[in-house]
Amino acid sequence: QVQLVESGGGLVQTGDSLRLSCAASERTFAMAWFRQAPGQEREFVAVISGSVGNTYYTDSVKGRFTISRDNAKNTVWLQMNSLKPEDTAVYYCAAGRTYSAYSVGYHYWGQGTQVAVSS
C-alpha cells in the first residue's frame, strides 16, 4: 500500500505562485495531480511518468503549471504560477501503474491540500 502525503497548499492572491509537494512511501510509476472545486467533479491537472519523465497537462494550466519528480526521493511537485481564482480547489496527488489523465488509472491517493486564490 503506497502512502501519499501532500503539502504546500494555502491562500494566495491572483498572479501568485505555490508549489505543492507529494511524498510517496515507495517508488511509483505514474504520478499525477487532480483537483476538485466545491460542487464540481474531480478533474485531471497533470501527470508525469516514472522513468522518462514524460508530462501531460490539462489545457487550462499549460504554460502556468509544471509537474516534476525526484525518483530518489519518491517525491513529485506541482509548481503553480500565475494562479487564478478558478484554480481554487482541493489538490490531490495520485499514483498508479498507468500514465493516464483519468482518475480510474490511479490506485493510490493522498488526502488533499487546499489551494485558494483570491481575486
Protein backbone atom coordinates (compact mmCIF):
# COMPACT_ATOMS: atom_id res chain seq x y z
CA GLN A 1 0.00 0.00 0.00
CA VAL A 2 1.55 3.25 -1.17
CA GLN A 3 1.07 6.19 1.15
CA LEU A 4 0.95 9.69 -0.35
CA VAL A 5 1.27 12.87 1.68
CA GLU A 6 0.66 16.26 0.09
CA SER A 7 1.76 19.65 1.36
CA GLY A 8 2.16 23.20 0.17
CA GLY A 9 -1.37 24.46 -0.25
CA GLY A 10 -2.55 27.81 1.04
CA LEU A 11 -4.33 31.08 0.38
CA VAL A 12 -2.76 33.35 -2.22
CA GLN A 13 -3.74 36.23 -4.48
CA THR A 14 -4.27 36.22 -8.23
CA GLY A 15 -0.93 36.05 -10.02
CA ASP A 16 0.92 34.47 -7.11
CA SER A 17 2.74 31.13 -7.11
CA LEU A 18 2.55 28.00 -4.99
CA ARG A 19 4.48 24.76 -5.00
CA LEU A 20 2.73 21.59 -3.98
CA SER A 21 4.66 18.53 -2.84
CA CYS A 22 3.66 14.89 -2.66
CA ALA A 23 5.85 12.39 -0.87
CA ALA A 24 5.29 8.70 -1.61
CA SER A 25 6.20 5.88 0.75
CA GLU A 26 7.76 3.92 -2.11
CA ARG A 27 8.72 4.17 -5.77
CA THR A 28 5.75 4.53 -8.12
CA PHE A 29 5.33 4.69 -11.86
CA ALA A 30 3.00 7.46 -12.92
CA MET A 31 2.21 10.24 -10.52
CA ALA A 32 -0.43 12.84 -11.15
CA TRP A 33 -2.28 15.78 -9.70
CA PHE A 34 -6.02 16.14 -9.75
CA ARG A 35 -8.18 18.86 -8.25
CA GLN A 36 -11.73 19.24 -7.07
CA ALA A 37 -13.52 22.54 -6.64
CA PRO A 38 -16.64 22.85 -4.46
CA GLY A 39 -19.65 21.35 -6.18
CA GLN A 40 -17.61 20.06 -9.10
CA GLU A 41 -16.21 16.72 -10.13
CA ARG A 42 -12.57 15.87 -9.63
CA GLU A 43 -10.55 16.88 -12.68
CA PHE A 44 -7.15 15.99 -14.04
CA VAL A 45 -4.37 18.59 -13.78
CA ALA A 46 -1.04 17.00 -14.73
CA VAL A 47 0.80 13.67 -14.89
CA ILE A 48 4.42 12.60 -15.04
CA SER A 49 5.70 9.16 -15.97
CA GLY A 50 8.10 7.21 -13.82
CA SER A 51 11.13 6.60 -15.98
CA VAL A 52 11.50 9.06 -18.84
CA GLY A 53 9.55 11.77 -17.09
CA ASN A 54 7.03 12.43 -19.82
CA THR A 55 4.48 15.02 -18.80
CA TYR A 56 0.97 15.96 -19.83
CA TYR A 57 -1.25 18.83 -18.68
CA THR A 58 -4.84 19.82 -18.93
CA ASP A 59 -5.23 22.78 -21.28
CA SER A 60 -6.23 25.26 -18.58
CA VAL A 61 -2.87 25.00 -16.78
CA LYS A 62 -0.47 24.64 -19.71
CA GLY A 63 2.25 27.26 -19.53
CA ARG A 64 1.46 28.05 -15.89
CA PHE A 65 1.92 24.76 -14.02
CA THR A 66 4.92 22.43 -14.08
CA ILE A 67 4.99 18.89 -12.73
CA SER A 68 8.32 17.34 -11.79
CA ARG A 69 9.62 14.45 -9.73
CA ASP A 70 12.67 13.14 -7.95
CA ASN A 71 12.64 9.35 -8.03
CA ALA A 72 15.40 9.12 -5.44
CA LYS A 73 13.15 10.94 -3.00
CA ASN A 74 9.87 9.40 -4.22
CA THR A 75 8.53 12.93 -4.45
CA VAL A 76 6.55 14.83 -7.06
CA TRP A 77 5.96 18.56 -7.16
CA LEU A 78 3.48 20.83 -8.86
CA GLN A 79 4.80 24.33 -9.41
CA MET A 80 1.84 26.63 -9.97
CA ASN A 81 2.49 30.10 -11.35
CA SER A 82 0.16 32.92 -12.38
CA LEU A 83 -2.59 31.49 -10.24
CA LYS A 84 -6.18 32.42 -10.98
CA PRO A 85 -9.33 32.27 -8.84
CA GLU A 86 -10.56 29.36 -10.98
CA ASP A 87 -7.56 27.35 -9.76
CA THR A 88 -9.14 27.27 -6.30
CA ALA A 89 -9.70 23.64 -5.32
CA VAL A 90 -8.50 20.78 -3.19
CA TYR A 91 -5.50 19.30 -4.98
CA TYR A 92 -4.91 15.56 -4.78
CA CYS A 93 -1.78 13.60 -5.55
CA ALA A 94 -2.28 10.19 -7.16
CA ALA A 95 -0.01 7.28 -8.04
CA GLY A 96 -0.54 4.32 -10.28
CA ARG A 97 0.82 2.00 -12.93
CA THR A 98 -0.63 3.80 -15.93
CA TYR A 99 0.30 7.13 -17.46
CA SER A 100 -3.22 8.47 -17.61
CA ALA A 101 -5.38 11.57 -17.36
CA TYR A 102 -8.24 9.56 -15.91
CA SER A 103 -8.70 9.02 -12.20
CA VAL A 104 -9.61 5.35 -12.68
CA GLY A 105 -6.00 4.73 -13.67
CA TYR A 106 -4.72 5.53 -10.20
CA HIS A 107 -4.79 3.18 -7.24
CA TYR A 108 -3.39 5.44 -4.55
CA TRP A 109 -4.48 8.90 -3.46
CA GLY A 110 -3.33 11.47 -0.97
CA GLN A 111 -5.57 13.27 1.48
CA GLY A 112 -5.60 16.51 -0.50
CA THR A 113 -4.32 20.01 0.12
CA GLN A 114 -6.41 23.17 -0.23
CA VAL A 115 -5.43 25.89 -2.66
CA ALA A 116 -7.42 29.13 -2.54
CA VAL A 117 -6.77 32.02 -4.92
CA SER A 118 -8.40 35.34 -4.13
CA SER A 119 -9.18 37.95 -6.77
